Amino acid sequence: MKKTKTTEITVETDEFFVIKRRDRATHRRCEACGELVQMVTLAEAATIARVSELVIYDDIKARFLHSTVTPEGQVLICLNSLLK
């Protein structure tokens, strides 16, 4: 009878994102959370989540993500809801 040896390897990874901006008004009150949170743009949210902007937009419409629209028409996403 031949003996076999099994080895199990577990890999744990962490991710770290740095978002650099010129404007400093990135913290806003999220109406859904009721908290002062970091807000990211649609493009930044898509990059963080590694999906297309269309997927992010669909998640906003489905109310999976919290969002707000600035007076200039820019969509901002609550980072807390994105990371959940």
PDB file of N, CA and C in Angstrom:
ATOM      1  N   MET A   1       0.833  -1.161   0.000  1.00  0.00           N
ATOM      2  CA  MET A   1       0.000   0.000   0.000  1.00  0.00           C
ATOM      3  C   MET A   1       0.895   1.247   0.000  1.00  0.00           C
ATOM      4  N   LYS A   2       0.572   2.194  -0.878  1.00  0.00           N
ATOM      5  CA  LYS A   2       1.357   3.410  -1.026  1.00  0.00           C
ATOM      6  C   LYS A   2       0.763   4.527  -0.175  1.00  0.00           C
ATOM      7  N   LYS A   3       1.614   5.201   0.615  1.00  0.00           N
ATOM      8  CA  LYS A   3       1.155   6.308   1.450  1.00  0.00           C
ATOM      9  C   LYS A   3       1.269   7.614   0.671  1.00  0.00           C
ATOM     10  N   THR A   4       0.261   8.488   0.831  1.00  0.00           N
ATOM     11  CA  THR A   4       0.312   9.802   0.197  1.00  0.00           C
ATOM     12  C   THR A   4       0.333  10.870   1.283  1.00  0.00           C
ATOM     13  N   LYS A   5       0.985  11.959   0.966  1.00  0.00           N
ATOM     14  CA  LYS A   5       1.102  13.057   1.909  1.00  0.00           C
ATOM     15  C   LYS A   5       0.320  14.245   1.353  1.00  0.00           C
ATOM     16  N   THR A   6      -0.516  14.857   2.184  1.00  0.00           N
ATOM     17  CA  THR A   6      -1.317  15.999   1.771  1.00  0.00           C
ATOM     18  C   THR A   6      -0.849  17.232   2.532  1.00  0.00           C
ATOM     19  N   THR A   7      -0.668  18.325   1.801  1.00  0.00           N
ATOM     20  CA  THR A   7      -0.273  19.595   2.405  1.00  0.00           C
ATOM     21  C   THR A   7      -1.358  20.620   2.126  1.00  0.00           C
ATOM     22  N   GLU A   8      -1.792  21.322   3.163  1.00  0.00           N
ATOM     23  CA  GLU A   8      -2.805  22.356   3.004  1.00  0.00           C
ATOM     24  C   GLU A   8      -2.145  23.711   3.227  1.00  0.00           C
ATOM     25  N   ILE A   9      -2.365  24.628   2.294  1.00  0.00           N
ATOM     26  CA  ILE A   9      -1.797  25.979   2.382  1.00  0.00           C
ATOM     27  C   ILE A   9      -2.941  26.977   2.453  1.00  0.00           C
ATOM     28  N   THR A  10      -2.885  27.865   3.431  1.00  0.00           N
ATOM     29  CA  THR A  10      -3.881  28.914   3.580  1.00  0.00           C
ATOM     30  C   THR A  10      -3.203  30.257   3.336  1.00  0.00           C
ATOM     31  N   VAL A  11      -3.803  31.074   2.471  1.00  0.00           N
ATOM     32  CA  VAL A  11      -3.247  32.386   2.153  1.00  0.00           C
ATOM     33  C   VAL A  11      -4.247  33.451   2.575  1.00  0.00           C
ATOM     34  N   GLU A  12      -3.776  34.408   3.345  1.00  0.00           N
ATOM     35  CA  GLU A  12      -4.620  35.512   3.780  1.00  0.00           C
ATOM     36  C   GLU A  12      -4.083  36.794   3.169  1.00  0.00           C
ATOM     37  N   THR A  13      -4.967  37.593   2.576  1.00  0.00           N
ATOM     38  CA  THR A  13      -4.525  38.836   1.955  1.00  0.00           C
ATOM     39  C   THR A  13      -5.316  40.009   2.506  1.00  0.00           C
ATOM     40  N   ASP A  14      -4.688  41.150   2.506  1.00  0.00           N
ATOM     41  CA  ASP A  14      -5.324  42.404   2.886  1.00  0.00           C
ATOM     42  C   ASP A  14      -5.123  43.381   1.740  1.00  0.00           C
ATOM     43  N   GLU A  15      -6.089  44.284   1.565  1.00  0.00           N
ATOM     44  CA  GLU A  15      -5.962  45.288   0.527  1.00  0.00           C
ATOM     45  C   GLU A  15      -5.928  46.660   1.171  1.00  0.00           C
ATOM     46  N   PHE A  16      -5.207  47.552   0.541  1.00  0.00           N
ATOM     47  CA  PHE A  16      -5.061  48.908   1.030  1.00  0.00           C
ATOM     48  C   PHE A  16      -5.229  49.842  -0.150  1.00  0.00           C
ATOM     49  N   PHE A  17      -6.143  50.795  -0.041  1.00  0.00           N
ATOM     50  CA  PHE A  17      -6.405  51.743  -1.117  1.00  0.00           C
ATOM     51  C   PHE A  17      -6.006  53.142  -0.672  1.00  0.00           C
ATOM     52  N   VAL A  18      -5.369  53.868  -1.564  1.00  0.00           N
ATOM     53  CA  VAL A  18      -5.038  55.264  -1.319  1.00  0.00           C
ATOM     54  C   VAL A  18      -5.760  56.082  -2.377  1.00  0.00           C
ATOM     55  N   ILE A  19      -6.570  57.014  -1.939  1.00  0.00           N
ATOM     56  CA  ILE A  19      -7.299  57.886  -2.856  1.00  0.00           C
ATOM     57  C   ILE A  19      -6.766  59.296  -2.656  1.00  0.00           C
ATOM     58  N   LYS A  20      -6.129  59.823  -3.688  1.00  0.00           N
ATOM     59  CA  LYS A  20      -5.574  61.177  -3.618  1.00  0.00           C
ATOM     60  C   LYS A  20      -6.498  62.119  -4.369  1.00  0.00           C
ATOM     61  N   ARG A  21      -6.791  63.254  -3.736  1.00  0.00           N
ATOM     62  CA  ARG A  21      -7.674  64.241  -4.346  1.00  0.00           C
ATOM     63  C   ARG A  21      -7.131  65.634  -4.114  1.00  0.00           C
ATOM     64  N   ARG A  22      -7.566  66.529  -4.982  1.00  0.00           N
ATOM     65  CA  ARG A  22      -7.210  67.939  -4.801  1.00  0.00           C
ATOM     66  C   ARG A  22      -8.196  68.611  -3.858  1.00  0.00           C
ATOM     67  N   ASP A  23      -9.462  68.248  -3.965  1.00  0.00           N
ATOM     68  CA  ASP A  23     -10.454  68.853  -3.073  1.00  0.00           C
ATOM     69  C   ASP A  23     -10.496  68.088  -1.755  1.00  0.00           C
ATOM     70  N   ARG A  24     -10.878  68.762  -0.719  1.00  0.00           N
ATOM     71  CA  ARG A  24     -10.879  68.142   0.606  1.00  0.00           C
ATOM     72  C   ARG A  24     -12.279  67.795   1.099  1.00  0.00           C
ATOM     73  N   ALA A  25     -13.296  68.136   0.340  1.00  0.00           N
ATOM     74  CA  ALA A  25     -14.683  67.933   0.780  1.00  0.00           C
ATOM     75  C   ALA A  25     -15.166  66.527   0.460  1.00  0.00           C
ATOM     76  N   THR A  26     -14.463  65.518   0.976  1.00  0.00           N
ATOM     77  CA  THR A  26     -14.819  64.137   0.679  1.00  0.00           C
ATOM     78  C   THR A  26     -15.612  63.483   1.802  1.00  0.00           C
ATOM     79  N   HIS A  27     -15.682  64.130   2.938  1.00  0.00           N
ATOM     80  CA  HIS A  27     -16.489  63.607   4.044  1.00  0.00           C
ATOM     81  C   HIS A  27     -17.813  64.347   4.054  1.00  0.00           C
ATOM     82  N   ARG A  28     -18.876  63.577   4.006  1.00  0.00           N
ATOM     83  CA  ARG A  28     -20.225  64.149   4.020  1.00  0.00           C
ATOM     84  C   ARG A  28     -21.114  63.260   4.874  1.00  0.00           C
ATOM     85  N   ARG A  29     -22.235  63.808   5.246  1.00  0.00           N
ATOM     86  CA  ARG A  29     -23.200  63.012   5.982  1.00  0.00           C
ATOM     87  C   ARG A  29     -23.971  62.144   4.999  1.00  0.00           C
ATOM     88  N   CYS A  30     -23.918  60.843   5.212  1.00  0.00           N
ATOM     89  CA  CYS A  30     -24.673  59.908   4.377  1.00  0.00           C
ATOM     90  C   CYS A  30     -26.100  59.877   4.907  1.00  0.00           C
ATOM     91  N   GLU A  31     -27.053  60.192   4.046  1.00  0.00           N
ATOM     92  CA  GLU A  31     -28.452  60.226   4.467  1.00  0.00           C
ATOM     93  C   GLU A  31     -28.957  58.841   4.881  1.00  0.00           C
ATOM     94  N   ALA A  32     -28.430  57.789   4.245  1.00  0.00           N
ATOM     95  CA  ALA A  32     -28.868  56.428   4.571  1.00  0.00           C
ATOM     96  C   ALA A  32     -28.260  55.940   5.883  1.00  0.00           C
ATOM     97  N   CYS A  33     -26.951  56.205   6.083  1.00  0.00           N
ATOM     98  CA  CYS A  33     -26.254  55.782   7.313  1.00  0.00           C
ATOM     99  C   CYS A  33     -26.545  56.719   8.472  1.00  0.00           C
ATOM    100  N   GLY A  34     -26.704  57.998   8.144  1.00  0.00           N
ATOM    101  CA  GLY A  34     -26.849  58.996   9.183  1.00  0.00           C
ATOM    102  C   GLY A  34     -25.526  59.354   9.831  1.00  0.00           C
ATOM    103  N   GLU A  35     -24.406  58.974   9.207  1.00  0.00           N
ATOM    104  CA  GLU A  35     -23.081  59.208   9.763  1.00  0.00           C
ATOM    105  C   GLU A  35     -22.255  60.074   8.820  1.00  0.00           C
ATOM    106  N   LEU A  36     -21.224  60.709   9.368  1.00  0.00           N
ATOM    107  CA  LEU A  36     -20.258  61.431   8.563  1.00  0.00           C
ATOM    108  C   LEU A  36     -19.294  60.390   7.993  1.00  0.00           C
ATOM    109  N   VAL A  37     -19.274  60.234   6.672  1.00  0.00           N
ATOM    110  CA  VAL A  37     -18.503  59.161   6.050  1.00  0.00           C
ATOM    111  C   VAL A  37     -17.667  59.687   4.887  1.00  0.00           C
ATOM    112  N   GLN A  38     -16.710  58.903   4.492  1.00  0.00           N
ATOM    113  CA  GLN A  38     -15.914  59.186   3.298  1.00  0.00           C
ATOM    114  C   GLN A  38     -16.780  58.878   2.084  1.00  0.00           C
ATOM    115  N   MET A  39     -16.851  59.811   1.152  1.00  0.00           N
ATOM    116  CA  MET A  39     -17.617  59.620  -0.077  1.00  0.00           C
ATOM    117  C   MET A  39     -16.634  59.501  -1.242  1.00  0.00           C
ATOM    118  N   VAL A  40     -16.924  58.601  -2.175  1.00  0.00           N
ATOM    119  CA  VAL A  40     -16.071  58.411  -3.349  1.00  0.00           C
ATOM    120  C   VAL A  40     -16.901  58.610  -4.611  1.00  0.00           C
ATOM    121  N   THR A  41     -16.220  58.940  -5.687  1.00  0.00           N
ATOM    122  CA  THR A  41     -16.913  59.131  -6.957  1.00  0.00           C
ATOM    123  C   THR A  41     -17.305  57.786  -7.548  1.00  0.00           C
ATOM    124  N   LEU A  42     -18.111  57.841  -8.567  1.00  0.00           N
ATOM    125  CA  LEU A  42     -18.535  56.628  -9.268  1.00  0.00           C
ATOM    126  C   LEU A  42     -17.316  55.865  -9.809  1.00  0.00           C
ATOM    127  N   ALA A  43     -16.393  56.583 -10.415  1.00  0.00           N
ATOM    128  CA  ALA A  43     -15.185  55.956 -10.973  1.00  0.00           C
ATOM    129  C   ALA A  43     -14.319  55.339  -9.881  1.00  0.00           C
ATOM    130  N   GLU A  44     -14.158  56.046  -8.759  1.00  0.00           N
ATOM    131  CA  GLU A  44     -13.368  55.512  -7.647  1.00  0.00           C
ATOM    132  C   GLU A  44     -14.023  54.263  -7.067  1.00  0.00           C
ATOM    133  N   ALA A  45     -15.346  54.290  -6.923  1.00  0.00           N
ATOM    134  CA  ALA A  45     -16.069  53.127  -6.400  1.00  0.00           C
ATOM    135  C   ALA A  45     -15.892  51.923  -7.317  1.00  0.00           C
ATOM    136  N   ALA A  46     -15.953  52.144  -8.622  1.00  0.00           N
ATOM    137  CA  ALA A  46     -15.774  51.049  -9.581  1.00  0.00           C
ATOM    138  C   ALA A  46     -14.365  50.475  -9.476  1.00  0.00           C
ATOM    139  N   THR A  47     -13.374  51.332  -9.307  1.00  0.00           N
ATOM    140  CA  THR A  47     -11.985  50.870  -9.173  1.00  0.00           C
ATOM    141  C   THR A  47     -11.806  50.065  -7.891  1.00  0.00           C
ATOM    142  N   ILE A  48     -12.339  50.566  -6.788  1.00  0.00           N
ATOM    143  CA  ILE A  48     -12.216  49.863  -5.505  1.00  0.00           C
ATOM    144  C   ILE A  48     -12.892  48.498  -5.556  1.00  0.00           C
ATOM    145  N   ALA A  49     -14.085  48.448  -6.139  1.00  0.00           N
ATOM    146  CA  ALA A  49     -14.859  47.200  -6.190  1.00  0.00           C
ATOM    147  C   ALA A  49     -14.440  46.289  -7.349  1.00  0.00           C
ATOM    148  N   ARG A  50     -13.585  46.818  -8.228  1.00  0.00           N
ATOM    149  CA  ARG A  50     -13.113  46.057  -9.399  1.00  0.00           C
ATOM    150  C   ARG A  50     -14.266  45.603 -10.295  1.00  0.00           C
ATOM    151  N   VAL A  51     -15.174  46.543 -10.531  1.00  0.00           N
ATOM    152  CA  VAL A  51     -16.307  46.312 -11.429  1.00  0.00           C
ATOM    153  C   VAL A  51     -16.453  47.546 -12.312  1.00  0.00           C
ATOM    154  N   SER A  52     -17.361  47.490 -13.255  1.00  0.00           N
ATOM    155  CA  SER A  52     -17.589  48.645 -14.120  1.00  0.00           C
ATOM    156  C   SER A  52     -18.446  49.689 -13.402  1.00  0.00           C
ATOM    157  N   GLU A  53     -18.415  50.909 -13.915  1.00  0.00           N
ATOM    158  CA  GLU A  53     -19.248  51.974 -13.355  1.00  0.00           C
ATOM    159  C   GLU A  53     -20.730  51.630 -13.507  1.00  0.00           C
ATOM    160  N   LEU A  54     -21.074  50.895 -14.541  1.00  0.00           N
ATOM    161  CA  LEU A  54     -22.464  50.487 -14.751  1.00  0.00           C
ATOM    162  C   LEU A  54     -22.948  49.573 -13.617  1.00  0.00           C
ATOM    163  N   VAL A  55     -22.094  48.683 -13.153  1.00  0.00           N
ATOM    164  CA  VAL A  55     -22.447  47.794 -12.038  1.00  0.00           C
ATOM    165  C   VAL A  55     -22.680  48.628 -10.773  1.00  0.00           C
ATOM    166  N   ILE A  56     -21.818  49.619 -10.540  1.00  0.00           N
ATOM    167  CA  ILE A  56     -21.985  50.498  -9.381  1.00  0.00           C
ATOM    168  C   ILE A  56     -23.308  51.246  -9.489  1.00  0.00           C
ATOM    169  N   TYR A  57     -23.587  51.783 -10.667  1.00  0.00           N
ATOM    170  CA  TYR A  57     -24.841  52.505 -10.888  1.00  0.00           C
ATOM    171  C   TYR A  57     -26.047  51.596 -10.633  1.00  0.00           C
ATOM    172  N   ASP A  58     -25.992  50.355 -11.121  1.00  0.00           N
ATOM    173  CA  ASP A  58     -27.080  49.402 -10.890  1.00  0.00           C
ATOM    174  C   ASP A  58     -27.256  49.113  -9.395  1.00  0.00           C
ATOM    175  N   ASP A  59     -26.140  48.999  -8.663  1.00  0.00           N
ATOM    176  CA  ASP A  59     -26.210  48.755  -7.218  1.00  0.00           C
ATOM    177  C   ASP A  59     -26.804  49.954  -6.475  1.00  0.00           C
ATOM    178  N   ILE A  60     -26.563  51.163  -6.985  1.00  0.00           N
ATOM    179  CA  ILE A  60     -27.179  52.348  -6.397  1.00  0.00           C
ATOM    180  C   ILE A  60     -28.689  52.309  -6.621  1.00  0.00           C
ATOM    181  N   LYS A  61     -29.092  51.997  -7.842  1.00  0.00           N
ATOM    182  CA  LYS A  61     -30.525  51.932  -8.158  1.00  0.00           C
ATOM    183  C   LYS A  61     -31.225  50.849  -7.339  1.00  0.00           C
ATOM    184  N   ALA A  62     -30.513  49.730  -7.084  1.00  0.00           N
ATOM    185  CA  ALA A  62     -31.083  48.633  -6.300  1.00  0.00           C
ATOM    186  C   ALA A  62     -31.000  48.906  -4.791  1.00  0.00           C
ATOM    187  N   ARG A  63     -30.443  50.054  -4.427  1.00  0.00           N
ATOM    188  CA  ARG A  63     -30.278  50.483  -3.037  1.00  0.00           C
ATOM    189  C   ARG A  63     -29.323  49.605  -2.236  1.00  0.00           C
ATOM    190  N   PHE A  64     -28.388  48.938  -2.917  1.00  0.00           N
ATOM    191  CA  PHE A  64     -27.330  48.197  -2.228  1.00  0.00           C
ATOM    192  C   PHE A  64     -26.253  49.164  -1.743  1.00  0.00           C
ATOM    193  N   LEU A  65     -26.093  50.285  -2.460  1.00  0.00           N
ATOM    194  CA  LEU A  65     -25.097  51.293  -2.111  1.00  0.00           C
ATOM    195  C   LEU A  65     -25.799  52.596  -1.765  1.00  0.00           C
ATOM    196  N   HIS A  66     -25.245  53.304  -0.797  1.00  0.00           N
ATOM    197  CA  HIS A  66     -25.760  54.615  -0.427  1.00  0.00           C
ATOM    198  C   HIS A  66     -25.089  55.651  -1.318  1.00  0.00           C
ATOM    199  N   SER A  67     -25.863  56.629  -1.780  1.00  0.00           N
ATOM    200  CA  SER A  67     -25.275  57.641  -2.655  1.00  0.00           C
ATOM    201  C   SER A  67     -25.979  58.972  -2.474  1.00  0.00           C
ATOM    202  N   THR A  68     -25.328  59.992  -2.990  1.00  0.00           N
ATOM    203  CA  THR A  68     -25.890  61.333  -3.008  1.00  0.00           C
ATOM    204  C   THR A  68     -25.413  62.012  -4.289  1.00  0.00           C
ATOM    205  N   VAL A  69     -26.116  63.044  -4.696  1.00  0.00           N
ATOM    206  CA  VAL A  69     -25.734  63.801  -5.889  1.00  0.00           C
ATOM    207  C   VAL A  69     -25.427  65.225  -5.447  1.00  0.00           C
ATOM    208  N   THR A  70     -24.258  65.733  -5.846  1.00  0.00           N
ATOM    209  CA  THR A  70     -23.860  67.085  -5.498  1.00  0.00           C
ATOM    210  C   THR A  70     -24.667  68.092  -6.321  1.00  0.00           C
ATOM    211  N   PRO A  71     -24.672  69.359  -5.929  1.00  0.00           N
ATOM    212  CA  PRO A  71     -25.357  70.380  -6.734  1.00  0.00           C
ATOM    213  C   PRO A  71     -24.817  70.474  -8.166  1.00  0.00           C
ATOM    214  N   GLU A  72     -23.562  70.057  -8.355  1.00  0.00           N
ATOM    215  CA  GLU A  72     -22.957  70.061  -9.692  1.00  0.00           C
ATOM    216  C   GLU A  72     -23.347  68.828 -10.505  1.00  0.00           C
ATOM    217  N   GLY A  73     -24.067  67.889  -9.883  1.00  0.00           N
ATOM    218  CA  GLY A  73     -24.510  66.693 -10.582  1.00  0.00           C
ATOM    219  C   GLY A  73     -23.593  65.491 -10.451  1.00  0.00           C
ATOM    220  N   GLN A  74     -22.568  65.590  -9.610  1.00  0.00           N
ATOM    221  CA  GLN A  74     -21.645  64.472  -9.424  1.00  0.00           C
ATOM    222  C   GLN A  74     -22.233  63.462  -8.440  1.00  0.00           C
ATOM    223  N   VAL A  75     -22.172  62.186  -8.790  1.00  0.00           N
ATOM    224  CA  VAL A  75     -22.666  61.118  -7.916  1.00  0.00           C
ATOM    225  C   VAL A  75     -21.552  60.723  -6.962  1.00  0.00           C
ATOM    226  N   LEU A  76     -21.860  60.712  -5.660  1.00  0.00           N
ATOM    227  CA  LEU A  76     -20.904  60.284  -4.640  1.00  0.00           C
ATOM    228  C   LEU A  76     -21.481  59.080  -3.916  1.00  0.00           C
ATOM    229  N   ILE A  77     -20.609  58.090  -3.645  1.00  0.00           N
ATOM    230  CA  ILE A  77     -21.021  56.844  -3.006  1.00  0.00           C
ATOM    231  C   ILE A  77     -20.413  56.764  -1.614  1.00  0.00           C
ATOM    232  N   CYS A  78     -21.220  56.349  -0.661  1.00  0.00           N
ATOM    233  CA  CYS A  78     -20.768  56.140   0.725  1.00  0.00           C
ATOM    234  C   CYS A  78     -19.774  54.978   0.739  1.00  0.00           C
ATOM    235  N   LEU A  79     -18.560  55.258   1.193  1.00  0.00           N
ATOM    236  CA  LEU A  79     -17.528  54.221   1.197  1.00  0.00           C
ATOM    237  C   LEU A  79     -17.885  53.080   2.149  1.00  0.00           C
ATOM    238  N   ASN A  80     -18.555  53.409   3.259  1.00  0.00           N
ATOM    239  CA  ASN A  80     -18.956  52.339   4.192  1.00  0.00           C
ATOM    240  C   ASN A  80     -19.876  51.319   3.521  1.00  0.00           C
ATOM    241  N   SER A  81     -20.832  51.798   2.740  1.00  0.00           N
ATOM    242  CA  SER A  81     -21.757  50.868   2.083  1.00  0.00           C
ATOM    243  C   SER A  81     -21.046  50.082   0.976  1.00  0.00           C
ATOM    244  N   LEU A  82     -20.058  50.692   0.346  1.00  0.00           N
ATOM    245  CA  LEU A  82     -19.306  50.007  -0.709  1.00  0.00           C
ATOM    246  C   LEU A  82     -18.454  48.873  -0.145  1.00  0.00           C
ATOM    247  N   LEU A  83     -17.888  49.083   1.019  1.00  0.00           N
ATOM    248  CA  LEU A  83     -16.981  48.094   1.608  1.00  0.00           C
ATOM    249  C   LEU A  83     -17.701  46.957   2.328  1.00  0.00           C
ATOM    250  N   LYS A  84     -19.022  47.081   2.497  1.00  0.00           N
ATOM    251  CA  LYS A  84     -19.787  46.014   3.161  1.00  0.00           C
ATOM    252  C   LYS A  84     -20.039  44.859   2.231  1.00  0.00           C
TER     253      LYS A  84
END
